Amino acid sequence: MRQRFERQLDLGQTPIEQVPIPPKSRDELPPVLRGLQWIFQTPEVNEQIFQLLEQKVKGTKQATGRPGMDLWHVLVLGVVRLALDCDDDRLEYLVHYDTLLRRIMGLESHFRGEFGKGFHQKTLNENVCHVDEALLAAINAIVVKAGRPLFKKKDDEPIRAKSDTYVLETNVHFPTDLNLLWDACRKCLVLLPRLAQQQGQPGWRKAHTWRTQLKILLRVCGTIHHGGGAKKRERLNAAVTAYLQKAYALEQKVFASLLDLRPQACSLREQTILAEGEYYHEMLITHLDLIDRRVLQGETIPHADKLFSLFEPHTEWINKGKVSPAVELGHKLLITTDQYSLVLDYKVMDQSSDVKETLPLADRLLARFGEGCLQSWSVDKGFSAQADRELLELFIPEVIMPKKGRHSHAD
C-alpha cells in the first residue's frame, strides 16, 4: 500500500502549510497551488481525497519492496498537469526546477540530481494518469462541500445555483472543404515520402513539387470564391475541377504507395506513421467526394457528414446566436455555480443540447447536496421546457427558467 505523504522534513525545509504563495500573481499555477495547500491543511478534506486516490491506484503497485510515488505527489502533479495543460516533458521540468511546486509537494526547494530524489518521465506518466476526469469530479464535489461553510453567512443558508454553457474552443483553423482537402494532401506528402525513404522505396522525389502545385490551386480557388467579377460561378467550377484533378492524382499515388508499404517489415514507429498515412488517405478520399458533391453538383451536405478538423475530429460547429463570434469551434462546457461562484458541477457536452441536460443536471445536484439544499436554480432559454420546469418545481422552490418564444398575457 502506498503511503499518503512522507512527513519527515529535511533540515531547513518549510512545512507545506507555511509555504508562502504570491497572492497577486497572474500566472495560472499559484492559485492552483494555493488550493492544493488548503486541501493539505484541511484534514477532513484530504482524508476523503486520499481514500479516493487509494481506491484508484489500488493494485497498480505490486509488492516488490520499492515504494511508489506518494499519493500527495500524484494528486499535486495530476492537478497541475491538467490546470496547465502540459505534457510529460514540461511536467518533468516543473517538478525538478519549479521551486514553489517542489515546496508544495514537500520536497527540497532545489533539485541537485541526487540518486532517488528525482522523478523519471516514465514514473510521472504511469502515476499521474490516475488523476482522470471522474476522479477530478469527485474531488471537486468534496472541495465544494467543505468550502461552502467558509463563505456562508448563516449555517442554514441554502444554495442559489445558476447554470450556463460556454464554448471550450479547440485549437483548429476555420474549416472549409477546400482547406480540409489541402490538410489531407499536405499530411500525406509529409508522412509517406518519409516512410518510403526509410524503407528504401522510390517514387516521392517530387513531393515538394506536388505540395507547391496543390497550394497554388487552393489559393486560386480561394481568390475566386472571395472575389467578384463576371462569370464567377464558371471560373470557380473550373478552378475547383483543376484542384480536384490534381488531388485525385495524388490520391492514386498515395494508394499505390500504401499498397507497397503495407507488406514491409516495419518498426513500431514506422507502423504508427503508416497508420497515420492511411487515416489521412481516407480523409483525402472523403473530401474529394464532399467537394465534388457540394461545389460541382450543388448538393447540400447533411451536417452529420461534415468534419470540421482532421486533427481534432471531435470538434463541433457551435452557433449560439451571438453577433460576435457568430460561430465557435469546440465543445460546449456546462458549468453550475452557487451565489459565491463556487463550481458545483461541470460537464463537457458531447453532441448534446442544453435542453437535454436540464434533468440530468438537476439529478446530479440533488444527489450531491440533498433535497432541500437548493433554494433556487436559474438557467437561460436554452434549457427551457415546460414539462421539465413543472417537474423541477416539485423539488426546488424557485426555478428561474425563461420561456422560449413570445410570452402570453399570463406570462
Protein backbone atom coordinates (compact mmCIF):
# COMPACT_ATOMS: atom_id res chain seq x y z
CA MET A 1 0.00 0.00 0.00
CA ARG A 2 1.35 3.41 -0.90
CA GLN A 3 1.94 5.99 1.77
CA ARG A 4 -0.06 9.17 1.61
CA PHE A 5 2.73 11.57 2.44
CA GLU A 6 6.19 11.41 3.98
CA ARG A 7 6.05 13.93 6.83
CA GLN A 8 9.75 13.74 7.77
CA LEU A 9 11.12 17.21 6.90
CA ASP A 10 14.73 17.85 5.98
CA LEU A 11 16.77 20.39 7.91
CA GLY A 12 15.66 23.91 6.99
CA GLN A 13 12.69 22.74 4.91
CA THR A 14 9.45 24.77 5.17
CA PRO A 15 6.27 22.81 6.08
CA ILE A 16 3.71 22.72 3.26
CA GLU A 17 1.08 24.66 5.21
CA GLN A 18 3.57 27.52 5.76
CA VAL A 19 4.82 27.87 2.18
CA PRO A 20 4.20 31.50 1.05
CA ILE A 21 2.32 31.78 -2.27
CA PRO A 22 2.25 35.11 -4.19
CA PRO A 23 -1.35 36.38 -3.91
CA LYS A 24 -1.15 38.87 -6.81
CA SER A 25 0.50 36.65 -9.42
CA ARG A 26 -1.42 36.46 -12.70
CA ASP A 27 0.07 33.10 -13.67
CA GLU A 28 -2.17 30.03 -13.64
CA LEU A 29 -0.03 28.00 -11.26
CA PRO A 30 -0.08 29.92 -7.90
CA PRO A 31 -3.91 29.80 -7.46
CA VAL A 32 -3.85 26.06 -8.16
CA LEU A 33 -1.09 25.53 -5.60
CA ARG A 34 -2.97 27.65 -3.05
CA GLY A 35 -6.00 25.38 -3.45
CA LEU A 36 -3.83 22.29 -3.02
CA GLN A 37 -2.24 23.83 0.08
CA TRP A 38 -5.72 24.36 1.56
CA ILE A 39 -6.58 20.72 0.83
CA PHE A 40 -3.39 19.57 2.55
CA GLN A 41 -4.04 21.55 5.74
CA THR A 42 -7.74 20.57 5.97
CA PRO A 43 -7.78 17.04 7.44
CA GLU A 44 -11.46 16.26 6.78
CA VAL A 45 -10.96 17.10 3.09
CA ASN A 46 -7.64 15.38 2.40
CA GLU A 47 -8.82 12.25 4.23
CA GLN A 48 -11.67 11.80 1.75
CA ILE A 49 -9.46 12.64 -1.24
CA PHE A 50 -6.75 10.22 -0.16
CA GLN A 51 -9.37 7.49 0.18
CA LEU A 52 -10.45 8.13 -3.42
CA LEU A 53 -6.82 8.03 -4.59
CA GLU A 54 -6.15 4.79 -2.72
CA GLN A 55 -9.12 3.16 -4.46
CA LYS A 56 -7.91 4.50 -7.81
CA VAL A 57 -4.34 3.21 -7.56
CA LYS A 58 -5.23 0.03 -5.67
CA GLY A 59 -3.45 -2.93 -7.21
CA THR A 60 -1.24 -0.87 -9.52
CA LYS A 61 1.85 -1.24 -7.32
CA GLN A 62 2.99 -4.80 -6.71
CA ALA A 63 4.72 -5.93 -3.53
CA THR A 64 8.27 -5.50 -4.90
CA GLY A 65 9.70 -3.78 -1.86
CA ARG A 66 10.05 -0.48 -3.73
CA PRO A 67 7.87 2.44 -2.58
CA GLY A 68 5.70 4.08 -5.21
CA MET A 69 5.02 7.79 -5.53
CA ASP A 70 3.29 9.29 -2.51
CA LEU A 71 -0.41 9.88 -3.06
CA TRP A 72 0.10 13.57 -2.31
CA HIS A 73 2.64 13.82 -5.14
CA VAL A 74 0.26 12.03 -7.51
CA LEU A 75 -2.55 14.43 -6.61
CA VAL A 76 -0.45 17.60 -6.94
CA LEU A 77 1.13 16.65 -10.26
CA GLY A 78 -2.16 15.38 -11.69
CA VAL A 79 -3.96 18.63 -10.89
CA VAL A 80 -1.05 20.77 -12.14
CA ARG A 81 -0.82 18.83 -15.41
CA LEU A 82 -4.49 19.40 -16.19
CA ALA A 83 -4.55 23.01 -14.95
CA LEU A 84 -1.58 23.99 -17.14
CA ASP A 85 -2.48 21.59 -19.98
CA CYS A 86 1.17 20.49 -20.12
CA ASP A 87 2.81 17.32 -21.40
CA ASP A 88 5.13 14.94 -19.56
CA ASP A 89 8.25 16.84 -20.63
CA ARG A 90 7.12 20.12 -19.10
CA LEU A 91 5.80 18.35 -16.01
CA GLU A 92 9.19 16.70 -15.51
CA TYR A 93 10.86 20.11 -15.75
CA LEU A 94 8.42 21.72 -13.31
CA VAL A 95 8.73 19.01 -10.68
CA HIS A 96 12.52 19.33 -10.70
CA TYR A 97 13.13 23.04 -11.16
CA ASP A 98 10.00 24.99 -10.09
CA THR A 99 10.80 25.97 -6.51
CA LEU A 100 7.24 26.76 -5.44
CA LEU A 101 5.85 23.49 -6.82
CA ARG A 102 8.56 21.44 -5.10
CA ARG A 103 7.85 23.13 -1.75
CA ILE A 104 4.12 22.40 -2.06
CA MET A 105 5.00 18.78 -2.82
CA GLY A 106 7.06 18.65 0.39
CA LEU A 107 10.41 18.36 -1.39
CA GLU A 108 13.57 20.36 -1.06
CA SER A 109 13.49 23.71 -2.81
CA HIS A 110 16.31 22.85 -5.25
CA PHE A 111 16.89 19.67 -7.21
CA ARG A 112 20.56 18.73 -7.23
CA GLY A 113 20.28 15.48 -9.15
CA GLU A 114 20.92 13.13 -6.23
CA PHE A 115 20.06 9.46 -6.63
CA GLY A 116 16.50 8.71 -5.60
CA LYS A 117 15.44 12.38 -5.40
CA GLY A 118 14.22 12.82 -8.98
CA PHE A 119 11.11 11.78 -10.86
CA HIS A 120 11.69 9.98 -14.14
CA GLN A 121 9.36 10.85 -17.00
CA LYS A 122 8.07 7.26 -17.18
CA THR A 123 7.32 7.34 -13.44
CA LEU A 124 5.31 10.53 -13.89
CA ASN A 125 3.42 9.13 -16.86
CA GLU A 126 2.41 5.90 -15.11
CA ASN A 127 1.26 7.59 -11.89
CA VAL A 128 -0.23 10.94 -12.88
CA CYS A 129 -2.59 9.24 -15.33
CA HIS A 130 -4.67 8.05 -12.32
CA VAL A 131 -5.95 11.62 -11.82
CA ASP A 132 -8.60 11.42 -14.54
CA GLU A 133 -11.88 13.21 -15.25
CA ALA A 134 -14.02 11.03 -12.97
CA LEU A 135 -11.63 11.44 -10.03
CA LEU A 136 -11.47 15.21 -10.51
CA ALA A 137 -15.28 15.43 -10.50
CA ALA A 138 -15.40 13.53 -7.19
CA ILE A 139 -12.64 15.72 -5.71
CA ASN A 140 -14.47 18.86 -6.85
CA ALA A 141 -17.64 17.73 -5.05
CA ILE A 142 -15.67 17.18 -1.84
CA VAL A 143 -13.95 20.57 -2.06
CA VAL A 144 -17.20 22.43 -2.75
CA LYS A 145 -18.97 20.82 0.21
CA ALA A 146 -16.10 21.70 2.52
CA GLY A 147 -15.59 25.17 1.05
CA ARG A 148 -19.14 26.50 1.22
CA PRO A 149 -19.09 26.99 5.03
CA LEU A 150 -16.20 29.42 4.56
CA PHE A 151 -18.47 31.71 2.52
CA LYS A 152 -21.87 31.18 4.13
CA LYS A 153 -23.13 33.94 6.41
CA LYS A 154 -25.64 31.62 8.09
CA ASP A 155 -25.34 27.94 8.91
CA ASP A 156 -28.61 27.04 7.21
CA GLU A 157 -28.14 29.25 4.14
CA PRO A 158 -29.43 27.34 1.08
CA ILE A 159 -27.78 27.13 -2.32
CA ARG A 160 -28.77 29.53 -5.08
CA ALA A 161 -27.43 27.92 -8.21
CA LYS A 162 -27.19 29.10 -11.79
CA SER A 163 -26.17 27.15 -14.90
CA ASP A 164 -24.94 28.21 -18.29
CA THR A 165 -22.98 26.79 -21.21
CA TYR A 166 -19.74 28.17 -22.57
CA VAL A 167 -17.74 27.09 -25.60
CA LEU A 168 -14.45 25.36 -24.88
CA GLU A 169 -12.65 26.08 -28.15
CA THR A 170 -10.32 23.60 -29.80
CA ASN A 171 -7.08 24.68 -31.47
CA VAL A 172 -8.22 24.45 -35.10
CA HIS A 173 -8.33 26.75 -38.11
CA PHE A 174 -11.63 27.77 -39.68
CA PRO A 175 -12.73 24.77 -41.76
CA THR A 176 -13.76 24.77 -45.40
CA ASP A 177 -13.96 21.77 -47.68
CA LEU A 178 -11.10 23.18 -49.78
CA ASN A 179 -8.62 23.70 -46.94
CA LEU A 180 -9.56 20.39 -45.26
CA LEU A 181 -8.68 18.64 -48.54
CA TRP A 182 -5.40 20.57 -48.50
CA ASP A 183 -4.72 19.37 -44.92
CA ALA A 184 -5.19 15.75 -46.03
CA CYS A 185 -2.93 16.20 -49.08
CA ARG A 186 -0.27 18.00 -47.04
CA LYS A 187 -0.09 15.31 -44.36
CA CYS A 188 0.12 12.55 -46.96
CA LEU A 189 3.02 14.41 -48.63
CA VAL A 190 4.79 14.68 -45.27
CA LEU A 191 4.30 11.14 -43.92
CA LEU A 192 4.54 8.81 -46.91
CA PRO A 193 7.74 10.18 -48.52
CA ARG A 194 9.45 9.91 -45.12
CA LEU A 195 8.30 6.33 -44.65
CA ALA A 196 9.14 5.35 -48.26
CA GLN A 197 12.65 6.74 -47.81
CA GLN A 198 13.14 4.72 -44.61
CA GLN A 199 12.01 1.57 -46.45
CA GLY A 200 14.21 2.34 -49.46
CA GLN A 201 11.31 2.70 -51.90
CA PRO A 202 11.44 5.30 -54.72
CA GLY A 203 8.60 7.38 -56.12
CA TRP A 204 8.43 10.51 -53.97
CA ARG A 205 11.28 12.55 -55.45
CA LYS A 206 8.88 15.35 -56.45
CA ALA A 207 6.91 15.52 -53.19
CA HIS A 208 7.76 19.21 -52.75
CA THR A 209 6.53 19.95 -56.29
CA TRP A 210 3.22 18.20 -55.54
CA ARG A 211 2.81 20.32 -52.44
CA THR A 212 3.55 23.58 -54.28
CA GLN A 213 1.13 22.85 -57.13
CA LEU A 214 -1.71 21.89 -54.78
CA LYS A 215 -1.14 25.00 -52.67
CA ILE A 216 -1.31 27.23 -55.79
CA LEU A 217 -4.56 25.60 -56.91
CA LEU A 218 -6.03 26.08 -53.41
CA ARG A 219 -5.09 29.77 -53.45
CA VAL A 220 -6.69 30.23 -56.88
CA CYS A 221 -9.95 28.67 -55.63
CA GLY A 222 -9.95 30.89 -52.55
CA THR A 223 -9.25 34.06 -54.54
CA ILE A 224 -12.13 33.40 -56.95
CA HIS A 225 -14.51 32.43 -54.13
CA HIS A 226 -13.87 35.60 -52.09
CA GLY A 227 -13.71 37.90 -55.14
CA GLY A 228 -16.29 39.01 -57.70
CA GLY A 229 -16.37 39.64 -61.40
CA ALA A 230 -18.14 38.25 -64.43
CA LYS A 231 -18.88 34.53 -64.70
CA LYS A 232 -17.69 33.89 -61.17
CA ARG A 233 -19.54 30.57 -60.95
CA GLU A 234 -17.97 29.20 -64.14
CA ARG A 235 -14.48 30.33 -63.10
CA LEU A 236 -14.90 28.82 -59.63
CA ASN A 237 -16.08 25.47 -61.06
CA ALA A 238 -13.10 25.40 -63.43
CA ALA A 239 -10.64 26.17 -60.61
CA VAL A 240 -12.19 23.60 -58.26
CA THR A 241 -12.15 20.99 -61.05
CA ALA A 242 -8.43 21.56 -61.62
CA TYR A 243 -7.81 21.33 -57.85
CA LEU A 244 -9.78 18.07 -57.60
CA GLN A 245 -7.99 16.54 -60.59
CA LYS A 246 -4.60 17.24 -59.04
CA ALA A 247 -5.74 15.93 -55.63
CA TYR A 248 -7.23 12.82 -57.25
CA ALA A 249 -3.91 12.13 -58.99
CA LEU A 250 -2.19 12.43 -55.61
CA GLU A 251 -4.74 10.05 -54.09
CA GLN A 252 -3.87 7.40 -56.68
CA LYS A 253 -0.18 7.83 -55.98
CA VAL A 254 -0.76 7.64 -52.21
CA PHE A 255 -2.88 4.49 -52.64
CA ALA A 256 -0.16 2.79 -54.71
CA SER A 257 2.48 3.77 -52.15
CA LEU A 258 0.40 2.37 -49.27
CA LEU A 259 -0.02 -0.94 -51.14
CA ASP A 260 3.77 -1.20 -51.43
CA LEU A 261 4.43 -0.25 -47.82
CA ARG A 262 1.88 -2.49 -46.06
CA PRO A 263 3.71 -5.82 -46.63
CA GLN A 264 7.05 -4.40 -45.48
CA ALA A 265 8.52 -5.25 -42.09
CA CYS A 266 8.21 -2.04 -40.07
CA SER A 267 9.28 -0.93 -36.64
CA LEU A 268 6.69 0.27 -34.16
CA ARG A 269 7.41 3.89 -35.09
CA GLU A 270 7.05 3.13 -38.81
CA GLN A 271 3.79 1.29 -38.17
CA THR A 272 2.48 4.41 -36.42
CA ILE A 273 3.44 6.60 -39.39
CA LEU A 274 1.79 4.11 -41.76
CA ALA A 275 -1.44 4.17 -39.72
CA GLU A 276 -1.45 7.98 -39.82
CA GLY A 277 -0.90 7.89 -43.58
CA GLU A 278 -3.87 5.56 -44.04
CA TYR A 279 -6.07 7.86 -41.94
CA TYR A 280 -5.18 10.94 -43.99
CA HIS A 281 -5.65 8.94 -47.19
CA GLU A 282 -9.22 8.16 -46.08
CA MET A 283 -9.77 11.85 -45.29
CA LEU A 284 -8.44 12.76 -48.73
CA ILE A 285 -10.98 10.47 -50.40
CA THR A 286 -13.79 11.78 -48.17
CA HIS A 287 -13.17 15.43 -49.01
CA LEU A 288 -12.70 14.76 -52.70
CA ASP A 289 -16.24 13.39 -52.64
CA LEU A 290 -17.62 16.22 -50.47
CA ILE A 291 -16.21 18.99 -52.67
CA ASP A 292 -17.47 17.33 -55.83
CA ARG A 293 -20.98 16.95 -54.37
CA ARG A 294 -21.20 20.41 -52.80
CA VAL A 295 -19.43 22.68 -55.32
CA LEU A 296 -19.75 20.95 -58.68
CA GLN A 297 -23.08 19.15 -58.25
CA GLY A 298 -24.71 21.77 -55.99
CA GLU A 299 -25.77 19.22 -53.38
CA THR A 300 -26.49 20.23 -49.79
CA ILE A 301 -24.30 18.18 -47.44
CA PRO A 302 -26.02 16.94 -44.25
CA HIS A 303 -24.47 18.32 -41.09
CA ALA A 304 -23.75 14.80 -39.82
CA ASP A 305 -21.48 14.14 -42.83
CA LYS A 306 -19.30 17.19 -42.20
CA LEU A 307 -15.95 17.16 -40.43
CA PHE A 308 -14.52 20.37 -39.00
CA SER A 309 -10.92 19.31 -38.34
CA LEU A 310 -8.75 16.41 -39.46
CA PHE A 311 -6.50 16.80 -36.43
CA GLU A 312 -9.24 17.13 -33.78
CA PRO A 313 -12.19 15.32 -35.40
CA HIS A 314 -14.29 15.64 -32.23
CA THR A 315 -14.63 19.41 -32.86
CA GLU A 316 -18.22 20.67 -33.08
CA TRP A 317 -19.68 23.60 -35.04
CA ILE A 318 -21.48 25.71 -32.41
CA ASN A 319 -23.79 28.61 -33.21
CA LYS A 320 -25.20 30.19 -30.04
CA GLY A 321 -26.89 33.10 -31.79
CA LYS A 322 -24.23 35.66 -30.88
CA VAL A 323 -23.32 38.59 -33.11
CA SER A 324 -19.61 38.08 -32.48
CA PRO A 325 -18.35 35.44 -32.80
CA ALA A 326 -21.17 34.08 -34.93
CA VAL A 327 -19.67 30.57 -34.95
CA GLU A 328 -17.41 28.85 -32.43
CA LEU A 329 -15.48 25.62 -32.89
CA GLY A 330 -15.05 23.26 -29.95
CA HIS A 331 -17.33 21.76 -27.31
CA LYS A 332 -19.97 23.18 -25.01
CA LEU A 333 -18.97 23.25 -21.35
CA LEU A 334 -21.87 23.21 -18.89
CA ILE A 335 -20.97 24.94 -15.61
CA THR A 336 -23.13 25.34 -12.50
CA THR A 337 -22.10 27.79 -9.77
CA ASP A 338 -23.60 28.97 -6.50
CA GLN A 339 -24.06 32.50 -5.15
CA TYR A 340 -20.38 32.58 -4.13
CA SER A 341 -19.11 31.49 -7.59
CA LEU A 342 -18.09 28.04 -6.35
CA VAL A 343 -18.33 25.49 -9.16
CA LEU A 344 -20.96 22.96 -8.07
CA ASP A 345 -20.94 20.88 -11.26
CA TYR A 346 -19.31 20.87 -14.69
CA LYS A 347 -19.63 18.72 -17.80
CA VAL A 348 -18.21 18.74 -21.30
CA MET A 349 -21.24 18.27 -23.56
CA ASP A 350 -20.60 15.92 -26.47
CA GLN A 351 -23.10 16.40 -29.31
CA SER A 352 -25.80 17.45 -26.86
CA SER A 353 -28.14 20.43 -26.50
CA ASP A 354 -28.90 22.50 -23.39
CA VAL A 355 -32.48 21.28 -23.02
CA LYS A 356 -31.33 17.63 -22.87
CA GLU A 357 -29.08 18.39 -19.90
CA THR A 358 -31.66 20.02 -17.63
CA LEU A 359 -33.00 16.97 -15.79
CA PRO A 360 -29.69 15.02 -15.62
CA LEU A 361 -28.03 18.11 -14.13
CA ALA A 362 -30.81 18.52 -11.57
CA ASP A 363 -30.44 14.84 -10.60
CA ARG A 364 -26.70 15.30 -10.04
CA LEU A 365 -27.16 18.42 -7.90
CA LEU A 366 -29.91 16.93 -5.73
CA ALA A 367 -27.97 13.66 -5.28
CA ARG A 368 -24.82 15.55 -4.33
CA PHE A 369 -26.27 18.14 -1.94
CA GLY A 370 -29.58 16.54 -0.93
CA GLU A 371 -33.19 17.61 -1.31
CA GLY A 372 -33.98 20.93 0.34
CA CYS A 373 -30.46 22.32 -0.07
CA LEU A 374 -31.29 24.09 -3.35
CA GLN A 375 -33.35 27.24 -2.80
CA SER A 376 -33.25 28.45 -6.39
CA TRP A 377 -31.86 27.47 -9.77
CA SER A 378 -31.63 29.80 -12.73
CA VAL A 379 -30.96 28.89 -16.37
CA ASP A 380 -31.41 30.64 -19.72
CA LYS A 381 -33.88 29.96 -22.53
CA GLY A 382 -31.78 27.17 -24.00
CA PHE A 383 -32.70 24.91 -21.06
CA SER A 384 -36.39 25.81 -21.16
CA ALA A 385 -39.06 23.11 -21.35
CA GLN A 386 -42.48 23.39 -19.71
CA ALA A 387 -42.62 19.74 -18.62
CA ASP A 388 -39.12 19.95 -17.10
CA ARG A 389 -40.00 23.12 -15.23
CA GLU A 390 -43.12 21.60 -13.67
CA LEU A 391 -41.10 18.58 -12.52
CA LEU A 392 -38.26 20.68 -11.09
CA GLU A 393 -40.66 22.86 -9.10
CA LEU A 394 -41.58 19.78 -7.05
CA PHE A 395 -38.03 19.69 -5.61
CA ILE A 396 -36.69 23.26 -5.97
CA PRO A 397 -38.74 26.20 -4.58
CA GLU A 398 -37.59 28.76 -7.16
CA VAL A 399 -36.94 27.67 -10.75
CA ILE A 400 -35.96 30.62 -12.96
CA MET A 401 -36.40 29.31 -16.49
CA PRO A 402 -37.40 31.90 -19.15
CA LYS A 403 -39.97 30.74 -21.67
CA LYS A 404 -38.97 30.34 -25.30
CA GLY A 405 -40.78 32.41 -27.92
CA ARG A 406 -43.39 35.12 -27.45
CA HIS A 407 -44.94 35.48 -23.98
CA SER A 408 -48.67 35.33 -23.43
CA HIS A 409 -50.56 37.86 -21.31
CA ALA A 410 -50.39 35.46 -18.30
CA ASP A 411 -46.65 35.08 -18.77
